[in-house]
Protein backbone atom coordinates (compact mmCIF):
# COMPACT_ATOMS: atom_id res chain seq x y z
CA MET A 1 119.39 116.52 102.71
CA ARG A 2 119.72 112.99 101.08
CA THR A 3 121.94 113.76 98.15
CA LEU A 4 125.24 111.62 99.17
CA TRP A 5 125.99 107.90 99.25
CA ILE A 6 127.45 107.14 102.35
CA LEU A 7 127.12 106.41 105.78
CA ALA A 8 129.39 107.00 108.50
CA LEU A 9 130.06 106.75 112.01
CA THR A 10 132.65 108.49 114.42
CA ALA A 11 134.90 105.68 115.18
CA ALA A 12 135.06 104.92 118.79
CA ALA A 13 137.33 102.10 120.10
CA VAL A 14 135.19 99.90 122.62
CA THR A 15 135.65 96.46 124.26
CA ALA A 16 133.26 93.78 123.54
CA GLY A 17 132.06 93.63 127.16
CA CYS A 18 130.10 97.14 126.48
CA ASN A 19 127.43 95.22 124.43
CA SER A 20 127.59 91.65 125.34
CA SER A 21 125.27 89.39 126.89
CA THR A 22 127.18 88.44 129.69
CA ASP A 23 129.44 90.65 132.08
CA ASN A 24 132.67 89.04 132.89
CA GLY A 25 134.07 91.93 134.80
CA SER A 26 135.90 91.13 138.18
CA GLY A 27 133.45 90.85 140.93
CA THR A 28 130.26 90.78 138.85
CA SER A 29 130.31 87.04 137.64
CA GLY A 30 126.86 85.65 136.64
CA VAL A 31 125.47 89.22 135.93
CA THR A 32 123.66 89.06 132.63
CA ASN A 33 123.61 92.27 130.22
CA ALA A 34 121.12 92.70 127.55
CA SER A 35 122.34 92.89 124.03
CA ALA A 36 121.67 96.03 121.99
CA THR A 37 123.26 94.76 118.74
CA GLY A 38 120.59 95.15 115.97
CA VAL A 39 118.26 97.37 114.02
CA TRP A 40 115.67 99.48 116.01
CA SER A 41 112.83 101.41 114.85
CA GLY A 42 110.26 103.44 116.71
CA THR A 43 108.94 107.00 117.32
CA ASP A 44 109.98 109.91 119.57
CA SER A 45 106.98 111.12 121.50
CA VAL A 46 108.40 114.42 121.87
CA SER A 47 108.82 115.30 118.11
CA GLY A 48 106.59 112.96 116.55
CA LEU A 49 109.16 111.95 114.36
CA GLY A 50 110.14 108.31 113.69
CA VAL A 51 113.46 107.13 114.87
CA THR A 52 115.72 104.45 113.67
CA ALA A 53 118.63 102.82 115.38
CA LEU A 54 121.54 101.18 114.13
CA ILE A 55 123.89 99.39 116.69
CA ASN A 56 126.79 96.76 115.89
CA ALA A 57 128.19 94.13 118.14
CA ALA A 58 131.03 96.61 119.19
CA GLY A 59 128.42 99.04 120.39
CA GLN A 60 129.07 101.52 118.12
CA ALA A 61 125.49 103.15 117.35
CA ILE A 62 123.84 105.72 115.23
CA PHE A 63 120.39 107.02 116.05
CA ILE A 64 118.50 108.64 112.96
CA ARG A 65 115.74 110.78 113.49
CA GLY A 66 113.10 111.35 110.90
CA ASP A 67 114.16 114.87 109.93
CA GLY A 68 117.82 113.58 109.17
CA VAL A 69 119.50 114.72 112.41
CA GLN A 70 121.95 111.96 113.69
CA PHE A 71 123.17 111.00 116.95
CA PHE A 72 126.33 108.97 117.13
CA GLY A 73 127.78 107.41 120.34
CA THR A 74 129.01 104.01 122.14
CA VAL A 75 126.37 102.10 124.07
CA GLN A 76 127.14 100.92 127.54
CA VAL A 77 124.77 98.36 128.88
CA SER A 78 124.63 97.14 132.70
CA GLY A 79 121.74 94.69 133.13
CA ASN A 80 118.80 96.10 131.43
CA THR A 81 120.07 100.07 131.65
CA LEU A 82 121.31 101.77 128.62
CA ALA A 83 123.45 104.83 128.69
CA VAL A 84 124.87 106.58 125.70
CA THR A 85 126.80 109.66 125.37
CA VAL A 86 125.96 111.22 122.06
CA ASP A 87 127.44 113.75 119.46
CA GLY A 88 124.48 115.04 117.20
CA TYR A 89 124.54 116.58 113.97
CA SER A 90 122.06 118.32 111.53
CA ASP A 91 121.86 116.51 108.12
CA PHE A 92 124.34 118.49 106.01
CA PRO A 93 123.76 121.24 104.63
CA ALA A 94 120.73 121.80 107.15
CA THR A 95 121.18 123.29 110.51
CA PHE A 96 119.46 123.24 113.71
CA SER A 97 116.77 125.84 114.49
CA ASP A 98 119.46 128.08 115.90
CA GLY A 99 121.76 127.94 113.00
CA SER A 100 124.18 125.49 114.48
CA THR A 101 124.99 121.89 113.21
CA SER A 102 126.22 120.07 116.07
CA GLY A 103 125.61 119.36 119.87
CA LEU A 104 126.36 117.02 122.75
CA GLY A 105 123.97 114.79 124.98
CA THR A 106 122.93 111.92 126.53
CA LEU A 107 120.59 108.76 126.09
CA GLU A 108 119.54 106.85 128.95
CA GLY A 109 116.85 104.17 129.54
CA ASN A 110 116.12 100.26 129.49
CA ILE A 111 116.67 97.72 126.94
CA SER A 112 115.39 94.04 126.62
CA THR A 113 117.29 91.85 124.14
CA GLY A 114 115.65 91.62 120.82
CA ALA A 115 112.48 93.49 122.13
CA THR A 116 112.49 97.12 123.13
CA ILE A 117 114.33 100.02 123.81
CA THR A 118 113.05 103.14 125.84
CA ALA A 119 115.20 105.75 126.52
CA THR A 120 115.17 109.53 127.23
CA LEU A 121 117.28 112.24 125.26
CA THR A 122 118.81 115.16 126.61
CA PHE A 123 120.70 117.22 123.93
CA ASN A 124 121.81 120.90 123.80
CA THR A 125 123.21 122.28 120.59
CA THR A 126 126.38 124.22 120.17
CA GLY A 127 124.07 127.36 119.86
CA ASN A 128 122.44 126.25 123.39
CA THR A 129 119.20 125.15 122.23
CA ALA A 130 118.01 122.49 124.16
CA VAL A 131 116.52 119.38 122.45
CA SER A 132 114.67 116.63 124.48
CA GLY A 133 113.38 113.11 123.20
CA SER A 134 111.51 110.52 124.71
CA TRP A 135 111.85 107.14 122.44
CA SER A 136 110.27 103.67 122.15
CA LEU A 137 112.02 101.62 119.81
CA THR A 138 111.21 97.97 118.80
CA PHE A 139 113.82 95.33 117.65
CA GLU A 140 113.56 94.61 113.91
CA ALA A 141 113.75 90.72 112.89
CA LEU A 142 115.79 91.74 109.86
CA SER A 143 118.47 92.37 112.40
CA ASN A 144 119.06 88.60 112.71
CA ASP A 145 119.66 88.26 108.84
CA SER A 146 122.95 87.32 107.73
CA SER A 147 125.54 90.01 106.18
CA SER A 148 128.03 90.04 103.20
CA THR A 149 129.49 91.89 100.53
CA SER A 150 127.95 89.60 98.01
CA ALA A 151 124.18 90.08 99.91
CA VAL A 152 124.43 93.80 99.42
CA SER A 153 126.07 94.08 96.10
CA ALA A 154 123.94 95.80 93.60
CA ASN A 155 123.50 99.33 92.10
CA TYR A 156 121.34 101.48 94.41
CA THR A 157 119.38 104.55 93.39
CA ASP A 158 118.96 107.34 95.75
CA ASN A 159 115.38 107.79 96.60
CA VAL A 160 115.72 111.63 96.06
CA THR A 161 118.13 112.55 93.70
CA GLY A 162 118.05 109.47 91.46
CA THR A 163 122.06 109.22 91.66
CA VAL A 164 123.42 105.65 91.34
CA LEU A 165 125.63 104.05 93.91
CA ALA A 166 127.56 100.82 92.72
CA ILE A 167 128.58 98.35 95.44
CA ALA A 168 130.77 95.31 93.82
CA SER A 169 130.54 91.89 95.46
CA SER A 170 134.17 92.57 96.78
CA GLY A 171 132.48 95.54 98.72
CA VAL A 172 134.16 98.29 96.46
CA MET A 173 131.69 101.44 96.45
CA THR A 174 131.82 104.17 93.84
CA SER A 175 129.23 106.67 92.67
CA GLN A 176 129.05 110.40 91.35
CA ASN A 177 126.38 112.70 92.16
CA ALA A 178 125.39 114.95 88.75
CA ASN A 179 123.82 117.60 91.13
CA ASN A 180 127.03 118.38 93.13
CA GLY A 181 129.93 116.42 91.03
CA CYS A 182 130.66 114.37 94.42
CA VAL A 183 132.70 111.46 93.42
CA LEU A 184 132.64 108.80 96.03
CA ASN A 185 135.14 106.17 96.43
CA GLY A 186 135.04 103.43 99.29
CA SER A 187 134.23 100.22 100.64
CA ILE A 188 131.46 98.46 102.67
CA SER A 189 132.01 95.26 104.92
CA SER A 190 130.63 93.29 107.56
CA ASN A 191 132.43 92.25 110.74
CA ASP A 192 129.41 90.42 112.04
CA SER A 193 128.01 88.41 109.37
CA SER A 194 125.31 87.13 111.85
CA HIS A 195 123.37 90.49 111.91
CA ASP A 196 122.14 92.91 109.25
CA LEU A 197 124.59 95.43 109.69
CA TYR A 198 127.52 96.56 107.67
CA GLU A 199 130.58 99.28 108.25
CA VAL A 200 131.29 101.88 105.53
CA SER A 201 134.51 103.64 104.78
CA TYR A 202 135.06 106.30 102.11
CA THR A 203 136.20 109.71 100.97
CA TYR A 204 134.74 112.29 98.47
CA GLY A 205 136.45 114.24 95.79
CA SER A 206 135.39 116.57 92.83
CA CYS A 207 132.60 118.02 95.05
CA THR A 208 131.32 121.82 94.00
CA SER A 209 129.42 124.56 95.49
CA THR A 210 128.34 124.16 99.20
CA TYR A 211 129.39 120.50 99.06
CA ALA A 212 133.04 121.29 98.25
CA VAL A 213 133.69 121.39 101.88
CA LEU A 214 133.36 117.65 101.87
CA ASN A 215 136.33 117.09 99.57
CA GLY A 216 138.70 114.67 101.26
CA VAL A 217 136.70 114.25 104.38
CA GLN A 218 137.19 110.79 105.51
CA PHE A 219 133.48 109.24 106.48
CA THR A 220 132.95 105.85 108.02
CA GLY A 221 129.92 104.23 109.51
CA LEU A 222 127.16 101.68 109.43
CA ALA A 223 124.25 100.69 107.02
CA THR A 224 121.51 98.11 106.99
CA LEU A 225 119.74 96.39 104.10
CA ASN A 226 116.15 95.39 104.13
CA PRO A 227 116.00 92.49 101.71
CA ALA A 228 112.38 92.41 101.20
CA THR A 229 112.32 96.07 99.80
CA ALA A 230 116.04 96.01 98.82
CA GLN A 231 116.35 99.64 100.57
CA LEU A 232 119.67 100.55 102.06
CA THR A 233 119.86 102.85 104.86
CA MET A 234 122.88 104.88 105.64
CA ALA A 235 124.13 107.32 108.09
CA VAL A 236 127.33 109.20 108.08
CA SER A 237 129.70 111.43 109.76
CA GLY A 238 133.20 112.82 109.05
CA ALA A 239 135.69 115.52 110.05
CA SER A 240 137.69 118.00 107.75
CA THR A 241 141.32 118.97 108.45
CA SER A 242 139.88 122.27 109.75
CA GLY A 243 137.97 119.96 112.54
CA ALA A 244 134.39 120.86 111.11
CA ARG A 245 132.18 117.90 111.29
CA TYR A 246 129.78 116.76 108.68
CA ALA A 247 126.85 114.03 109.09
CA ILE A 248 124.42 112.79 106.45
CA GLU A 249 121.78 110.45 106.00
CA SER A 250 120.30 108.68 102.93
CA THR A 251 118.04 105.90 101.75
CA LEU A 252 118.58 104.03 98.44
CA THR A 253 116.80 101.64 96.77
CA GLY A 254 118.41 98.49 94.87
CA GLY A 255 117.62 97.55 91.36
């Protein structure tokens, strides 16, 4: 359900070498690794759904399937081989077919810098339902657009609920969803101004009903802005104090 205004990603500490174009490790001088940094899109031939991938320069990645299911992980590249251990989540408050909301799997395949990713997903929900995927993704030219808080500054309207998310030129983000009462306070920033990728951090308060479980949850993650359509794509995950994890995907249009 696309009723919230955030994106998040499970934070992982990674080294720059995981996603760099050159492997400088001992004994591997001269080995060139493909770069996964960028925005990628394509299809999953198993489900027939679209897939969008956001991968920043640190290797943090979110793979968003067309039904809102999201897979989070840290990309590892060796030569042209790509491997990711992924945590997967249904789009809150939806569930997988077996009623579970999370799972664990792997994504393995091949990558060509600035061109294509072909990969196979092997995944099992916590309800022990197997989910497979065969992804063919293409590098988006907008990946090489510059990013800054001023570039992303605008008022964005959720394409489903009509709720407005305000982003100031300083990167401060605020919103209030009239449908569930959720008040968002957070920030958006860019740690790599040469790519169209953003990092987001926020918390929710005042959520009611089903969404009350999101109150106080710290969300962090990635976003990308399509300047041609003023569309901001966000994906999120965060954990409550009880250990429950939530993920949300949303699409917003600037005006």
